[in-house]
Each structure stands twice: as C-alpha cells, then as structure tokens.
C-alpha cells in the first residue's frame, strides 16, 4: 500500500464515520471497506469494559493503603485485607512489569480537565476513559496513526505518520485534536447521544490504522 492508497482508505473511513448516525452504522464500516480480520481488534482479548472508576474510589484505595501517596500500588501490598482476585491481578501486573503503569491510569481518573502530560500518555487517557465521561476515548498508536493521516495532506508527513509506533509527548496536540474531532460538529449529534460511540469509533480506527501501518525496515 502506497501513501495515496493509505490516504484514500483513511478518508473513506472518516467520511463514513462522520455520516454514521448509529452504532449499527459504525459496525458496518469495516465490511464496507473490506478491512482484513487480522487487522481488526480481537474482542475476545479486549472485550468491552462495562465498569467505571472515579476519584472517590481512588481516594478510598489510598485511604485503605492499596495505593500510596505517589499513586503507585503500595510496595507493602500483601494478603491482608485483599481478595484472591485482587492478589491474582496484582501478580499479573507484577509478572508483566506493569505495576509502574498504574499511577498513570490513576492520574487520568483523578484529572478533571485535559492537560499536557510528560509520560504515560496512553495510560493517562485510558484512565480518563475509565471515568465513563462522554467523549473520552481509548487511544493507541493505530488510532492516532489513522487520525494523523486524516489530518495531513503532505506526502512526506504521511509517510512518517504511517511509521508511527510509540506515542509520546510530541503527539499530545494530535491526541487533543482527535478528542476535539470526536466531540465536535463533524460527528453526528444523533451518534453522540450513544454513550459508547467513542468505543466503536476507536475499534474502527484501530483497524484502519493497523491496515495502513508502514513497516520500518530495520
């Protein structure tokens, strides 16, 4: 796939998203565009999250000692006052080296407004998504890659954006623009009344962004 083909696919996808007035319409777009199954999100591995977390619940975790003042899971985490499920989840985080990522999710949950963050951008936004507030999406490299190509017309920039792999602080304005687009006038007001429309748009753009990704020659 060359840059023009990638741009054309992205523009078709965004045009269909912007015309969609229902979740069902969104669900049909990947088939219309013939996006390969291998590039679509595996919902068995990433099922829809049907719960939220708020600042009060985080404060409770701090008060009970699960989380320390630095917003990390407490180093003294033990079997005391914990359930088997909590210990199992802690063990998985520990084994995957993900304990340090928890604080970025917590900061996202606690933040009331969008702000520039220096690290943990993806997890910070995931925390904002977990609050259940309207218009707070999940983001990752594939979603933002698709949006970056949508916004750009310069072939050289598109080439670079198609190689995007890791989101960092230089992508923050792009992420904010993506959120403005999701909440803006280009998205149907009827669609925005659906509480989980962001989740379905994210799924779509994940597949589009993965499809247009340009592999970097090492």
C-alpha atoms as a PDB file:
ATOM      1  CA  UNK A   1       0.000   0.000   0.000  1.00  0.00           C
ATOM      2  CA  UNK A   2       1.440   3.372  -1.011  1.00  0.00           C
ATOM      3  CA  UNK A   3       0.773   6.701   0.709  1.00  0.00           C
ATOM      4  CA  UNK A   4      -2.010   7.729  -1.663  1.00  0.00           C
ATOM      5  CA  UNK A   5      -3.821   4.423  -1.168  1.00  0.00           C
ATOM      6  CA  UNK A   6      -3.436   4.785   2.603  1.00  0.00           C
ATOM      7  CA  UNK A   7      -4.773   8.349   2.480  1.00  0.00           C
ATOM      8  CA  UNK A   8      -7.724   7.297   0.312  1.00  0.00           C
ATOM      9  CA  UNK A   9      -8.645   4.475   2.684  1.00  0.00           C
ATOM     10  CA  UNK A  10      -8.439   6.760   5.701  1.00  0.00           C
ATOM     11  CA  UNK A  11     -10.566   9.457   4.065  1.00  0.00           C
ATOM     12  CA  UNK A  12     -13.229   6.905   3.067  1.00  0.00           C
ATOM     13  CA  UNK A  13     -13.306   5.617   6.634  1.00  0.00           C
ATOM     14  CA  UNK A  14     -13.638   9.076   8.185  1.00  0.00           C
ATOM     15  CA  UNK A  15     -16.305  10.099   5.679  1.00  0.00           C
ATOM     16  CA  UNK A  16     -18.365   7.038   6.635  1.00  0.00           C
ATOM     17  CA  UNK A  17     -17.822   7.671  10.357  1.00  0.00           C
ATOM     18  CA  UNK A  18     -18.907  11.287  10.012  1.00  0.00           C
ATOM     19  CA  UNK A  19     -22.069  10.207   8.177  1.00  0.00           C
ATOM     20  CA  UNK A  20     -22.949   7.494  10.710  1.00  0.00           C
ATOM     21  CA  UNK A  21     -25.930   8.169  12.945  1.00  0.00           C
ATOM     22  CA  UNK A  22     -25.934   4.921  14.915  1.00  0.00           C
ATOM     23  CA  UNK A  23     -23.670   2.274  16.417  1.00  0.00           C
ATOM     24  CA  UNK A  24     -25.007  -0.197  13.849  1.00  0.00           C
ATOM     25  CA  UNK A  25     -23.831   2.087  11.056  1.00  0.00           C
ATOM     26  CA  UNK A  26     -20.369   2.217  12.618  1.00  0.00           C
ATOM     27  CA  UNK A  27     -20.256  -1.563  12.916  1.00  0.00           C
ATOM     28  CA  UNK A  28     -20.797  -1.978   9.173  1.00  0.00           C
ATOM     29  CA  UNK A  29     -17.936   0.268   8.050  1.00  0.00           C
ATOM     30  CA  UNK A  30     -15.122  -2.297   8.292  1.00  0.00           C
ATOM     31  CA  UNK A  31     -17.050  -4.626   5.990  1.00  0.00           C
ATOM     32  CA  UNK A  32     -17.755  -1.808   3.534  1.00  0.00           C
ATOM     33  CA  UNK A  33     -14.015  -1.077   3.413  1.00  0.00           C
ATOM     34  CA  UNK A  34     -13.039  -4.766   3.276  1.00  0.00           C
ATOM     35  CA  UNK A  35     -10.639  -4.441   6.208  1.00  0.00           C
ATOM     36  CA  UNK A  36      -8.933  -7.812   6.848  1.00  0.00           C
ATOM     37  CA  UNK A  37      -9.973  -9.619  10.030  1.00  0.00           C
ATOM     38  CA  UNK A  38      -6.330  -9.880  11.089  1.00  0.00           C
ATOM     39  CA  UNK A  39      -6.210  -6.084  11.421  1.00  0.00           C
ATOM     40  CA  UNK A  40      -9.398  -5.804  13.455  1.00  0.00           C
ATOM     41  CA  UNK A  41      -9.393  -5.682  17.231  1.00  0.00           C
ATOM     42  CA  UNK A  42      -9.756  -9.082  18.884  1.00  0.00           C
ATOM     43  CA  UNK A  43     -12.746  -8.513  21.173  1.00  0.00           C
ATOM     44  CA  UNK A  44     -12.121 -11.819  22.926  1.00  0.00           C
ATOM     45  CA  UNK A  45      -8.791 -10.428  24.124  1.00  0.00           C
ATOM     46  CA  UNK A  46     -10.148  -6.915  24.580  1.00  0.00           C
ATOM     47  CA  UNK A  47     -13.840  -7.229  25.491  1.00  0.00           C
ATOM     48  CA  UNK A  48     -15.849  -4.092  26.099  1.00  0.00           C
ATOM     49  CA  UNK A  49     -15.262  -2.608  29.569  1.00  0.00           C
ATOM     50  CA  UNK A  50     -18.582  -2.309  31.357  1.00  0.00           C
ATOM     51  CA  UNK A  51     -17.494  -0.513  34.504  1.00  0.00           C
ATOM     52  CA  UNK A  52     -16.167   2.897  35.511  1.00  0.00           C
ATOM     53  CA  UNK A  53     -13.792   4.263  38.158  1.00  0.00           C
ATOM     54  CA  UNK A  54     -13.954   7.664  39.815  1.00  0.00           C
ATOM     55  CA  UNK A  55     -11.813   9.898  42.019  1.00  0.00           C
ATOM     56  CA  UNK A  56     -13.679   8.961  45.196  1.00  0.00           C
ATOM     57  CA  UNK A  57     -12.921   5.287  44.629  1.00  0.00           C
ATOM     58  CA  UNK A  58      -9.249   6.122  44.080  1.00  0.00           C
ATOM     59  CA  UNK A  59      -9.199   8.130  47.308  1.00  0.00           C
ATOM     60  CA  UNK A  60     -10.639   5.114  49.099  1.00  0.00           C
ATOM     61  CA  UNK A  61      -7.818   2.948  47.745  1.00  0.00           C
ATOM     62  CA  UNK A  62      -5.308   5.483  49.075  1.00  0.00           C
ATOM     63  CA  UNK A  63      -7.009   5.621  52.481  1.00  0.00           C
ATOM     64  CA  UNK A  64      -7.033   1.841  52.776  1.00  0.00           C
ATOM     65  CA  UNK A  65      -3.357   1.583  51.800  1.00  0.00           C
ATOM     66  CA  UNK A  66      -3.722  -0.185  48.464  1.00  0.00           C
ATOM     67  CA  UNK A  67      -2.199   2.860  46.754  1.00  0.00           C
ATOM     68  CA  UNK A  68       0.486   5.098  48.240  1.00  0.00           C
ATOM     69  CA  UNK A  69       0.804   8.902  48.140  1.00  0.00           C
ATOM     70  CA  UNK A  70       2.766   8.650  44.875  1.00  0.00           C
ATOM     71  CA  UNK A  71      -0.250   6.888  43.332  1.00  0.00           C
ATOM     72  CA  UNK A  72       1.612   3.601  42.934  1.00  0.00           C
ATOM     73  CA  UNK A  73       0.299   0.286  44.198  1.00  0.00           C
ATOM     74  CA  UNK A  74       1.749   0.139  47.696  1.00  0.00           C
ATOM     75  CA  UNK A  75       5.048  -1.729  47.974  1.00  0.00           C
ATOM     76  CA  UNK A  76       3.697  -3.402  51.065  1.00  0.00           C
ATOM     77  CA  UNK A  77       0.795  -4.976  49.189  1.00  0.00           C
ATOM     78  CA  UNK A  78       0.086  -8.289  50.891  1.00  0.00           C
ATOM     79  CA  UNK A  79      -2.605 -10.824  51.640  1.00  0.00           C
ATOM     80  CA  UNK A  80      -4.005  -8.656  54.444  1.00  0.00           C
ATOM     81  CA  UNK A  81      -7.493  -7.390  53.598  1.00  0.00           C
ATOM     82  CA  UNK A  82      -7.230  -8.462  49.944  1.00  0.00           C
ATOM     83  CA  UNK A  83      -9.297 -10.917  47.946  1.00  0.00           C
ATOM     84  CA  UNK A  84      -7.857 -13.787  45.873  1.00  0.00           C
ATOM     85  CA  UNK A  85      -8.909 -11.900  42.722  1.00  0.00           C
ATOM     86  CA  UNK A  86      -7.021  -8.752  43.804  1.00  0.00           C
ATOM     87  CA  UNK A  87      -3.914 -10.795  44.535  1.00  0.00           C
ATOM     88  CA  UNK A  88      -4.200 -12.563  41.179  1.00  0.00           C
ATOM     89  CA  UNK A  89      -4.473  -9.248  39.307  1.00  0.00           C
ATOM     90  CA  UNK A  90      -1.507  -7.871  41.257  1.00  0.00           C
ATOM     91  CA  UNK A  91       0.506 -10.958  40.340  1.00  0.00           C
ATOM     92  CA  UNK A  92      -0.256 -10.484  36.625  1.00  0.00           C
ATOM     93  CA  UNK A  93       0.767  -6.805  36.791  1.00  0.00           C
ATOM     94  CA  UNK A  94       3.973  -7.763  38.601  1.00  0.00           C
ATOM     95  CA  UNK A  95       4.857 -10.512  36.114  1.00  0.00           C
ATOM     96  CA  UNK A  96       4.295  -8.223  33.121  1.00  0.00           C
ATOM     97  CA  UNK A  97       6.273  -5.380  34.688  1.00  0.00           C
ATOM     98  CA  UNK A  98       3.172  -3.175  34.621  1.00  0.00           C
ATOM     99  CA  UNK A  99       2.999  -2.010  38.245  1.00  0.00           C
ATOM    100  CA  UNK A 100       4.506   1.386  37.372  1.00  0.00           C
ATOM    101  CA  UNK A 101       1.830   1.997  34.735  1.00  0.00           C
ATOM    102  CA  UNK A 102      -0.975   2.019  37.295  1.00  0.00           C
ATOM    103  CA  UNK A 103      -0.203   5.548  38.510  1.00  0.00           C
ATOM    104  CA  UNK A 104      -0.701   6.974  35.014  1.00  0.00           C
ATOM    105  CA  UNK A 105      -4.181   5.433  34.844  1.00  0.00           C
ATOM    106  CA  UNK A 106      -4.939   6.806  38.317  1.00  0.00           C
ATOM    107  CA  UNK A 107      -3.818  10.311  37.312  1.00  0.00           C
ATOM    108  CA  UNK A 108      -6.125  10.116  34.299  1.00  0.00           C
ATOM    109  CA  UNK A 109      -9.034   9.155  36.551  1.00  0.00           C
ATOM    110  CA  UNK A 110      -8.301  11.972  39.004  1.00  0.00           C
ATOM    111  CA  UNK A 111      -7.735  14.733  36.439  1.00  0.00           C
ATOM    112  CA  UNK A 112     -10.837  16.839  35.853  1.00  0.00           C
ATOM    113  CA  UNK A 113      -9.532  18.544  32.721  1.00  0.00           C
ATOM    114  CA  UNK A 114      -7.301  17.736  29.776  1.00  0.00           C
ATOM    115  CA  UNK A 115      -3.711  18.686  30.439  1.00  0.00           C
ATOM    116  CA  UNK A 116      -0.277  18.139  28.977  1.00  0.00           C
ATOM    117  CA  UNK A 117       1.344  15.057  30.492  1.00  0.00           C
ATOM    118  CA  UNK A 118       5.024  14.226  30.172  1.00  0.00           C
ATOM    119  CA  UNK A 119       4.803  10.445  30.389  1.00  0.00           C
ATOM    120  CA  UNK A 120       2.341   7.574  30.330  1.00  0.00           C
ATOM    121  CA  UNK A 121       0.169   9.361  27.764  1.00  0.00           C
ATOM    122  CA  UNK A 122      -1.734   6.272  26.621  1.00  0.00           C
ATOM    123  CA  UNK A 123      -2.418   5.072  30.169  1.00  0.00           C
ATOM    124  CA  UNK A 124      -3.363   8.558  31.341  1.00  0.00           C
ATOM    125  CA  UNK A 125      -6.007   8.749  28.611  1.00  0.00           C
ATOM    126  CA  UNK A 126      -7.149   5.229  29.465  1.00  0.00           C
ATOM    127  CA  UNK A 127      -7.784   6.494  32.991  1.00  0.00           C
ATOM    128  CA  UNK A 128      -9.917   9.292  31.581  1.00  0.00           C
ATOM    129  CA  UNK A 129     -11.840   6.715  29.536  1.00  0.00           C
ATOM    130  CA  UNK A 130     -12.463   4.647  32.680  1.00  0.00           C
ATOM    131  CA  UNK A 131     -14.290   7.557  34.319  1.00  0.00           C
ATOM    132  CA  UNK A 132     -17.120   6.969  31.863  1.00  0.00           C
ATOM    133  CA  UNK A 133     -17.262  10.630  30.865  1.00  0.00           C
ATOM    134  CA  UNK A 134     -18.698  11.225  27.401  1.00  0.00           C
ATOM    135  CA  UNK A 135     -16.133  11.828  24.681  1.00  0.00           C
ATOM    136  CA  UNK A 136     -13.157  10.232  26.436  1.00  0.00           C
ATOM    137  CA  UNK A 137     -11.727   7.587  24.073  1.00  0.00           C
ATOM    138  CA  UNK A 138      -9.166   4.857  24.416  1.00  0.00           C
ATOM    139  CA  UNK A 139      -6.126   5.714  22.335  1.00  0.00           C
ATOM    140  CA  UNK A 140      -3.215   3.755  20.938  1.00  0.00           C
ATOM    141  CA  UNK A 141      -0.694   4.000  18.117  1.00  0.00           C
ATOM    142  CA  UNK A 142      -3.097   2.625  15.480  1.00  0.00           C
ATOM    143  CA  UNK A 143      -5.940   5.033  16.278  1.00  0.00           C
ATOM    144  CA  UNK A 144      -3.674   8.080  16.335  1.00  0.00           C
ATOM    145  CA  UNK A 145      -1.857   6.920  13.177  1.00  0.00           C
ATOM    146  CA  UNK A 146      -5.186   6.858  11.323  1.00  0.00           C
ATOM    147  CA  UNK A 147      -6.150  10.293  12.653  1.00  0.00           C
ATOM    148  CA  UNK A 148      -2.741  11.755  11.800  1.00  0.00           C
ATOM    149  CA  UNK A 149      -3.103  10.649   8.171  1.00  0.00           C
ATOM    150  CA  UNK A 150      -6.664  12.020   8.104  1.00  0.00           C
ATOM    151  CA  UNK A 151      -5.413  15.438   9.209  1.00  0.00           C
ATOM    152  CA  UNK A 152      -2.433  15.598   6.857  1.00  0.00           C
ATOM    153  CA  UNK A 153      -2.037  16.140   3.120  1.00  0.00           C
ATOM    154  CA  UNK A 154       1.744  16.253   2.793  1.00  0.00           C
ATOM    155  CA  UNK A 155       3.102  13.002   1.339  1.00  0.00           C
ATOM    156  CA  UNK A 156       6.330  13.187   3.342  1.00  0.00           C
ATOM    157  CA  UNK A 157       4.434  13.692   6.614  1.00  0.00           C
ATOM    158  CA  UNK A 158       2.013  10.877   5.781  1.00  0.00           C
ATOM    159  CA  UNK A 159       4.971   8.584   5.161  1.00  0.00           C
ATOM    160  CA  UNK A 160       6.333   9.414   8.612  1.00  0.00           C
ATOM    161  CA  UNK A 161       2.948   9.073  10.293  1.00  0.00           C
ATOM    162  CA  UNK A 162       2.395   5.650   8.780  1.00  0.00           C
ATOM    163  CA  UNK A 163       5.546   4.523  10.606  1.00  0.00           C
ATOM    164  CA  UNK A 164       4.312   5.809  13.979  1.00  0.00           C
ATOM    165  CA  UNK A 165       4.827   3.144  16.657  1.00  0.00           C
ATOM    166  CA  UNK A 166       5.127   4.773  20.086  1.00  0.00           C
ATOM    167  CA  UNK A 167       3.035   7.672  21.356  1.00  0.00           C
ATOM    168  CA  UNK A 168       4.923  10.252  23.395  1.00  0.00           C
ATOM    169  CA  UNK A 169       4.647  13.889  24.458  1.00  0.00           C
ATOM    170  CA  UNK A 170       5.217  15.204  20.922  1.00  0.00           C
ATOM    171  CA  UNK A 171       1.900  13.601  19.910  1.00  0.00           C
ATOM    172  CA  UNK A 172      -0.175  15.362  22.577  1.00  0.00           C
ATOM    173  CA  UNK A 173      -1.580  18.054  20.285  1.00  0.00           C
ATOM    174  CA  UNK A 174      -2.581  15.317  17.841  1.00  0.00           C
ATOM    175  CA  UNK A 175      -4.357  13.437  20.622  1.00  0.00           C
ATOM    176  CA  UNK A 176      -6.177  16.586  21.743  1.00  0.00           C
ATOM    177  CA  UNK A 177      -7.244  17.249  18.142  1.00  0.00           C
ATOM    178  CA  UNK A 178      -8.541  13.698  17.895  1.00  0.00           C
ATOM    179  CA  UNK A 179     -10.649  14.219  21.003  1.00  0.00           C
ATOM    180  CA  UNK A 180     -11.940  17.545  19.653  1.00  0.00           C
ATOM    181  CA  UNK A 181     -12.928  15.782  16.426  1.00  0.00           C
ATOM    182  CA  UNK A 182     -14.720  13.036  18.361  1.00  0.00           C
ATOM    183  CA  UNK A 183     -16.696  15.622  20.312  1.00  0.00           C
ATOM    184  CA  UNK A 184     -17.063  18.152  17.508  1.00  0.00           C
ATOM    185  CA  UNK A 185     -19.595  19.028  14.853  1.00  0.00           C
ATOM    186  CA  UNK A 186     -18.300  16.545  12.257  1.00  0.00           C
ATOM    187  CA  UNK A 187     -19.722  13.671  14.307  1.00  0.00           C
ATOM    188  CA  UNK A 188     -23.496  13.305  14.086  1.00  0.00           C
ATOM    189  CA  UNK A 189     -25.357  14.683  17.118  1.00  0.00           C
ATOM    190  CA  UNK A 190     -27.557  11.596  16.928  1.00  0.00           C
ATOM    191  CA  UNK A 191     -24.499   9.337  17.172  1.00  0.00           C
ATOM    192  CA  UNK A 192     -23.027  11.344  20.057  1.00  0.00           C
ATOM    193  CA  UNK A 193     -26.140  10.574  22.089  1.00  0.00           C
ATOM    194  CA  UNK A 194     -24.986   6.934  22.134  1.00  0.00           C
ATOM    195  CA  UNK A 195     -22.987   6.620  25.344  1.00  0.00           C
ATOM    196  CA  UNK A 196     -20.389   4.229  23.897  1.00  0.00           C
ATOM    197  CA  UNK A 197     -19.911   5.741  20.427  1.00  0.00           C
ATOM    198  CA  UNK A 198     -16.248   6.529  21.214  1.00  0.00           C
ATOM    199  CA  UNK A 199     -15.564   2.858  21.919  1.00  0.00           C
ATOM    200  CA  UNK A 200     -16.859   1.833  18.489  1.00  0.00           C
ATOM    201  CA  UNK A 201     -15.023   4.639  16.680  1.00  0.00           C
ATOM    202  CA  UNK A 202     -11.842   3.539  18.469  1.00  0.00           C
ATOM    203  CA  UNK A 203     -12.350  -0.029  17.256  1.00  0.00           C
ATOM    204  CA  UNK A 204     -12.778   1.205  13.704  1.00  0.00           C
ATOM    205  CA  UNK A 205      -9.729   3.454  13.714  1.00  0.00           C
ATOM    206  CA  UNK A 206      -7.635   0.751  15.381  1.00  0.00           C
ATOM    207  CA  UNK A 207      -8.289  -1.482  12.349  1.00  0.00           C
ATOM    208  CA  UNK A 208      -7.758   1.345   9.826  1.00  0.00           C
ATOM    209  CA  UNK A 209      -4.547   2.476  11.486  1.00  0.00           C
ATOM    210  CA  UNK A 210      -3.209  -1.064  11.620  1.00  0.00           C
ATOM    211  CA  UNK A 211      -4.048  -1.603   7.955  1.00  0.00           C
ATOM    212  CA  UNK A 212      -2.173   1.488   6.763  1.00  0.00           C
ATOM    213  CA  UNK A 213       0.848   0.965   9.026  1.00  0.00           C
ATOM    214  CA  UNK A 214       4.118   1.123   7.138  1.00  0.00           C
ATOM    215  CA  UNK A 215       6.685  -1.360   8.381  1.00  0.00           C
ATOM    216  CA  UNK A 216      10.037   0.191   9.190  1.00  0.00           C
ATOM    217  CA  UNK A 217      12.975  -1.584   7.595  1.00  0.00           C
ATOM    218  CA  UNK A 218      15.464  -2.396  10.336  1.00  0.00           C
END
